[in-house]
């Protein structure tokens, strides 16, 4: 494992599966998923999530970013977060992918107590192709992604945008 300070309380971690890249000749829809957590052994949980997603048929992992450790925002009285980006290919529509990732969060122990609360695993859909969607359940691209170190730094470390 390797770590490097990125300034402003951010630290970058490289592990066996983060970053990871698989060259694909053909892909369906491309979605960038932001993952994060700050309860328990989050880096180990990210590894478990990687292998879980590898076994699934509805998503195909193309690339992962390094892991970023960063301070919380919003509710500040909590541990630092670990965040990464997972780029997947999928045949699911954006709405179905959202339902799928909400189910994955629940399977990995996510409980929603209040806004910006500590969590075991958070999965956000940051992008889905170049789609723009504004609905009650889903906004794409993810609102304010470009203002968050937890998205911008890992995304900047990836090969393909």
C-alpha atoms as a PDB file:
ATOM      1  CA  UNK A   1       0.000   0.000   0.000  1.00  0.00           C
ATOM      2  CA  UNK A   2       1.169   3.525  -0.829  1.00  0.00           C
ATOM      3  CA  UNK A   3      -0.068   6.847   0.558  1.00  0.00           C
ATOM      4  CA  UNK A   4       0.628  10.452  -0.423  1.00  0.00           C
ATOM      5  CA  UNK A   5      -0.566  13.780   0.996  1.00  0.00           C
ATOM      6  CA  UNK A   6      -2.678  15.785  -1.452  1.00  0.00           C
ATOM      7  CA  UNK A   7      -2.990  18.876   0.796  1.00  0.00           C
ATOM      8  CA  UNK A   8      -6.067  20.276   2.609  1.00  0.00           C
ATOM      9  CA  UNK A   9      -6.279  17.144   4.780  1.00  0.00           C
ATOM     10  CA  UNK A  10      -6.489  14.808   1.751  1.00  0.00           C
ATOM     11  CA  UNK A  11      -4.374  11.643   1.485  1.00  0.00           C
ATOM     12  CA  UNK A  12      -4.216   9.350  -1.533  1.00  0.00           C
ATOM     13  CA  UNK A  13      -3.926   5.573  -1.024  1.00  0.00           C
ATOM     14  CA  UNK A  14      -3.006   2.987  -3.626  1.00  0.00           C
ATOM     15  CA  UNK A  15      -3.857  -0.649  -2.965  1.00  0.00           C
ATOM     16  CA  UNK A  16      -4.022  -3.837  -5.010  1.00  0.00           C
ATOM     17  CA  UNK A  17      -7.493  -3.098  -6.462  1.00  0.00           C
ATOM     18  CA  UNK A  18      -7.457   0.712  -6.243  1.00  0.00           C
ATOM     19  CA  UNK A  19      -6.388   1.800  -8.846  1.00  0.00           C
ATOM     20  CA  UNK A  20      -7.318  -0.976 -11.259  1.00  0.00           C
ATOM     21  CA  UNK A  21      -7.794  -0.847 -15.041  1.00  0.00           C
ATOM     22  CA  UNK A  22      -9.165  -3.417 -17.503  1.00  0.00           C
ATOM     23  CA  UNK A  23      -9.007  -2.736 -21.234  1.00  0.00           C
ATOM     24  CA  UNK A  24     -12.400  -3.439 -22.816  1.00  0.00           C
ATOM     25  CA  UNK A  25     -12.954  -3.732 -26.556  1.00  0.00           C
ATOM     26  CA  UNK A  26     -16.671  -3.164 -26.316  1.00  0.00           C
ATOM     27  CA  UNK A  27     -18.713  -1.501 -23.592  1.00  0.00           C
ATOM     28  CA  UNK A  28     -22.346  -0.644 -23.071  1.00  0.00           C
ATOM     29  CA  UNK A  29     -23.258   2.454 -21.095  1.00  0.00           C
ATOM     30  CA  UNK A  30     -20.510   3.946 -18.941  1.00  0.00           C
ATOM     31  CA  UNK A  31     -21.294   5.054 -15.398  1.00  0.00           C
ATOM     32  CA  UNK A  32     -18.933   6.579 -12.850  1.00  0.00           C
ATOM     33  CA  UNK A  33     -19.833   5.599  -9.318  1.00  0.00           C
ATOM     34  CA  UNK A  34     -18.459   7.514  -6.370  1.00  0.00           C
ATOM     35  CA  UNK A  35     -17.965   5.306  -3.322  1.00  0.00           C
ATOM     36  CA  UNK A  36     -17.308   6.475   0.205  1.00  0.00           C
ATOM     37  CA  UNK A  37     -17.477   5.537   3.841  1.00  0.00           C
ATOM     38  CA  UNK A  38     -16.105   6.319   7.279  1.00  0.00           C
ATOM     39  CA  UNK A  39     -17.397   3.567   9.588  1.00  0.00           C
ATOM     40  CA  UNK A  40     -15.303   0.452  10.116  1.00  0.00           C
ATOM     41  CA  UNK A  41     -12.467  -0.736   7.863  1.00  0.00           C
ATOM     42  CA  UNK A  42     -13.568   1.184   4.774  1.00  0.00           C
ATOM     43  CA  UNK A  43     -10.582   0.261   2.598  1.00  0.00           C
ATOM     44  CA  UNK A  44     -11.245  -3.432   3.244  1.00  0.00           C
ATOM     45  CA  UNK A  45     -14.952  -2.851   2.533  1.00  0.00           C
ATOM     46  CA  UNK A  46     -13.996  -1.273  -0.816  1.00  0.00           C
ATOM     47  CA  UNK A  47     -12.081  -4.469  -1.669  1.00  0.00           C
ATOM     48  CA  UNK A  48     -15.156  -6.549  -0.785  1.00  0.00           C
ATOM     49  CA  UNK A  49     -17.329  -4.243  -2.908  1.00  0.00           C
ATOM     50  CA  UNK A  50     -14.906  -4.637  -5.837  1.00  0.00           C
ATOM     51  CA  UNK A  51     -15.172  -8.449  -5.722  1.00  0.00           C
ATOM     52  CA  UNK A  52     -18.944  -8.292  -5.219  1.00  0.00           C
ATOM     53  CA  UNK A  53     -19.340  -6.103  -8.324  1.00  0.00           C
ATOM     54  CA  UNK A  54     -16.949  -8.344 -10.314  1.00  0.00           C
ATOM     55  CA  UNK A  55     -19.344 -11.271  -9.747  1.00  0.00           C
ATOM     56  CA  UNK A  56     -22.431  -9.306 -10.778  1.00  0.00           C
ATOM     57  CA  UNK A  57     -23.834  -9.523 -14.301  1.00  0.00           C
ATOM     58  CA  UNK A  58     -25.431  -6.059 -14.431  1.00  0.00           C
ATOM     59  CA  UNK A  59     -22.154  -4.143 -14.132  1.00  0.00           C
ATOM     60  CA  UNK A  60     -18.667  -4.731 -15.490  1.00  0.00           C
ATOM     61  CA  UNK A  61     -15.800  -2.889 -13.781  1.00  0.00           C
ATOM     62  CA  UNK A  62     -13.633  -0.978 -16.237  1.00  0.00           C
ATOM     63  CA  UNK A  63     -11.514   1.083 -13.870  1.00  0.00           C
ATOM     64  CA  UNK A  64     -11.085   2.140 -10.262  1.00  0.00           C
ATOM     65  CA  UNK A  65      -9.311   5.192  -8.915  1.00  0.00           C
ATOM     66  CA  UNK A  66      -6.897   5.325  -6.006  1.00  0.00           C
ATOM     67  CA  UNK A  67      -8.586   5.822  -2.631  1.00  0.00           C
ATOM     68  CA  UNK A  68      -8.716   9.323  -1.173  1.00  0.00           C
ATOM     69  CA  UNK A  69      -8.899   9.943   2.576  1.00  0.00           C
ATOM     70  CA  UNK A  70     -10.491  13.331   3.134  1.00  0.00           C
ATOM     71  CA  UNK A  71     -12.171  15.392   5.848  1.00  0.00           C
ATOM     72  CA  UNK A  72     -15.975  15.305   6.095  1.00  0.00           C
ATOM     73  CA  UNK A  73     -18.150  18.180   4.933  1.00  0.00           C
ATOM     74  CA  UNK A  74     -21.650  19.128   6.012  1.00  0.00           C
ATOM     75  CA  UNK A  75     -21.800  17.356   9.366  1.00  0.00           C
ATOM     76  CA  UNK A  76     -18.225  17.750  10.665  1.00  0.00           C
ATOM     77  CA  UNK A  77     -18.337  15.837  13.977  1.00  0.00           C
ATOM     78  CA  UNK A  78     -17.281  12.499  12.434  1.00  0.00           C
ATOM     79  CA  UNK A  79     -14.250  10.580  11.172  1.00  0.00           C
ATOM     80  CA  UNK A  80     -12.537  11.336   7.876  1.00  0.00           C
ATOM     81  CA  UNK A  81     -13.959   9.615   4.810  1.00  0.00           C
ATOM     82  CA  UNK A  82     -12.360   7.291   2.306  1.00  0.00           C
ATOM     83  CA  UNK A  83     -13.566   7.841  -1.261  1.00  0.00           C
ATOM     84  CA  UNK A  84     -12.899   6.361  -4.691  1.00  0.00           C
ATOM     85  CA  UNK A  85     -14.439   6.193  -8.145  1.00  0.00           C
ATOM     86  CA  UNK A  86     -15.471   2.975  -9.871  1.00  0.00           C
ATOM     87  CA  UNK A  87     -16.147   3.194 -13.597  1.00  0.00           C
ATOM     88  CA  UNK A  88     -18.495   0.480 -14.850  1.00  0.00           C
ATOM     89  CA  UNK A  89     -20.105  -0.627 -18.069  1.00  0.00           C
ATOM     90  CA  UNK A  90     -23.784  -1.548 -17.718  1.00  0.00           C
ATOM     91  CA  UNK A  91     -26.884  -2.419 -19.713  1.00  0.00           C
ATOM     92  CA  UNK A  92     -29.087  -0.936 -16.977  1.00  0.00           C
ATOM     93  CA  UNK A  93     -30.839   2.391 -17.495  1.00  0.00           C
ATOM     94  CA  UNK A  94     -29.777   5.202 -15.135  1.00  0.00           C
ATOM     95  CA  UNK A  95     -32.897   4.715 -12.987  1.00  0.00           C
ATOM     96  CA  UNK A  96     -32.395   0.953 -12.738  1.00  0.00           C
ATOM     97  CA  UNK A  97     -28.706   1.424 -11.962  1.00  0.00           C
ATOM     98  CA  UNK A  98     -29.703   3.800  -9.146  1.00  0.00           C
ATOM     99  CA  UNK A  99     -32.074   1.179  -7.712  1.00  0.00           C
ATOM    100  CA  UNK A 100     -29.341  -1.435  -8.027  1.00  0.00           C
ATOM    101  CA  UNK A 101     -26.699   0.642  -6.184  1.00  0.00           C
ATOM    102  CA  UNK A 102     -29.194   1.512  -3.426  1.00  0.00           C
ATOM    103  CA  UNK A 103     -29.670  -2.232  -2.940  1.00  0.00           C
ATOM    104  CA  UNK A 104     -25.896  -2.770  -2.852  1.00  0.00           C
ATOM    105  CA  UNK A 105     -25.548  -0.046  -0.190  1.00  0.00           C
ATOM    106  CA  UNK A 106     -28.191  -1.767   1.922  1.00  0.00           C
ATOM    107  CA  UNK A 107     -26.527  -5.161   1.478  1.00  0.00           C
ATOM    108  CA  UNK A 108     -23.270  -3.618   2.744  1.00  0.00           C
ATOM    109  CA  UNK A 109     -24.946  -2.235   5.881  1.00  0.00           C
ATOM    110  CA  UNK A 110     -25.856   1.335   4.888  1.00  0.00           C
ATOM    111  CA  UNK A 111     -28.258   3.017   7.279  1.00  0.00           C
ATOM    112  CA  UNK A 112     -29.602   6.508   6.575  1.00  0.00           C
ATOM    113  CA  UNK A 113     -29.975   8.366   9.883  1.00  0.00           C
ATOM    114  CA  UNK A 114     -29.570  12.019   8.828  1.00  0.00           C
ATOM    115  CA  UNK A 115     -28.028  14.141   6.041  1.00  0.00           C
ATOM    116  CA  UNK A 116     -24.214  13.763   5.792  1.00  0.00           C
ATOM    117  CA  UNK A 117     -24.218  11.197   8.617  1.00  0.00           C
ATOM    118  CA  UNK A 118     -21.356   8.735   9.132  1.00  0.00           C
ATOM    119  CA  UNK A 119     -21.834   5.655   6.945  1.00  0.00           C
ATOM    120  CA  UNK A 120     -20.405   2.253   6.150  1.00  0.00           C
ATOM    121  CA  UNK A 121     -20.826   2.645   2.393  1.00  0.00           C
ATOM    122  CA  UNK A 122     -22.216   5.360   0.174  1.00  0.00           C
ATOM    123  CA  UNK A 123     -22.493   4.840  -3.584  1.00  0.00           C
ATOM    124  CA  UNK A 124     -23.373   7.832  -5.761  1.00  0.00           C
ATOM    125  CA  UNK A 125     -23.852   7.839  -9.501  1.00  0.00           C
ATOM    126  CA  UNK A 126     -21.653  10.742 -10.647  1.00  0.00           C
ATOM    127  CA  UNK A 127     -22.048  10.323 -14.423  1.00  0.00           C
ATOM    128  CA  UNK A 128     -23.953   8.050 -16.790  1.00  0.00           C
ATOM    129  CA  UNK A 129     -22.579   8.501 -20.306  1.00  0.00           C
ATOM    130  CA  UNK A 130     -23.167  12.198 -20.978  1.00  0.00           C
ATOM    131  CA  UNK A 131     -26.783  12.072 -19.816  1.00  0.00           C
ATOM    132  CA  UNK A 132     -28.393  15.011 -18.034  1.00  0.00           C
ATOM    133  CA  UNK A 133     -31.306  14.032 -15.787  1.00  0.00           C
ATOM    134  CA  UNK A 134     -33.199  16.066 -13.198  1.00  0.00           C
ATOM    135  CA  UNK A 135     -35.866  14.093 -11.382  1.00  0.00           C
ATOM    136  CA  UNK A 136     -36.977  13.613  -7.768  1.00  0.00           C
ATOM    137  CA  UNK A 137     -34.857  10.465  -7.388  1.00  0.00           C
ATOM    138  CA  UNK A 138     -31.918  11.138  -9.694  1.00  0.00           C
ATOM    139  CA  UNK A 139     -29.865  14.114 -10.843  1.00  0.00           C
ATOM    140  CA  UNK A 140     -27.085  13.593 -13.392  1.00  0.00           C
ATOM    141  CA  UNK A 141     -24.390  14.623 -13.435  1.00  0.00           C
ATOM    142  CA  UNK A 142     -24.306  14.401  -9.648  1.00  0.00           C
ATOM    143  CA  UNK A 143     -24.868  17.897  -8.203  1.00  0.00           C
ATOM    144  CA  UNK A 144     -21.714  19.742  -7.161  1.00  0.00           C
ATOM    145  CA  UNK A 145     -19.375  16.865  -8.107  1.00  0.00           C
ATOM    146  CA  UNK A 146     -16.898  19.402  -9.470  1.00  0.00           C
ATOM    147  CA  UNK A 147     -16.646  21.128  -6.051  1.00  0.00           C
ATOM    148  CA  UNK A 148     -15.814  17.992  -4.080  1.00  0.00           C
ATOM    149  CA  UNK A 149     -12.245  16.805  -3.580  1.00  0.00           C
ATOM    150  CA  UNK A 150     -13.766  13.375  -2.852  1.00  0.00           C
ATOM    151  CA  UNK A 151     -14.759  13.172  -6.537  1.00  0.00           C
ATOM    152  CA  UNK A 152     -12.382  15.497  -8.394  1.00  0.00           C
ATOM    153  CA  UNK A 153      -9.100  14.097  -7.036  1.00  0.00           C
ATOM    154  CA  UNK A 154      -9.865  10.371  -7.602  1.00  0.00           C
ATOM    155  CA  UNK A 155     -11.403  11.155 -11.000  1.00  0.00           C
ATOM    156  CA  UNK A 156      -8.294  13.097 -12.041  1.00  0.00           C
ATOM    157  CA  UNK A 157      -6.183   9.996 -11.363  1.00  0.00           C
ATOM    158  CA  UNK A 158      -8.124   7.800 -13.788  1.00  0.00           C
ATOM    159  CA  UNK A 159      -7.052   6.947 -17.328  1.00  0.00           C
ATOM    160  CA  UNK A 160     -10.316   7.458 -19.183  1.00  0.00           C
ATOM    161  CA  UNK A 161     -12.962  10.127 -18.595  1.00  0.00           C
END
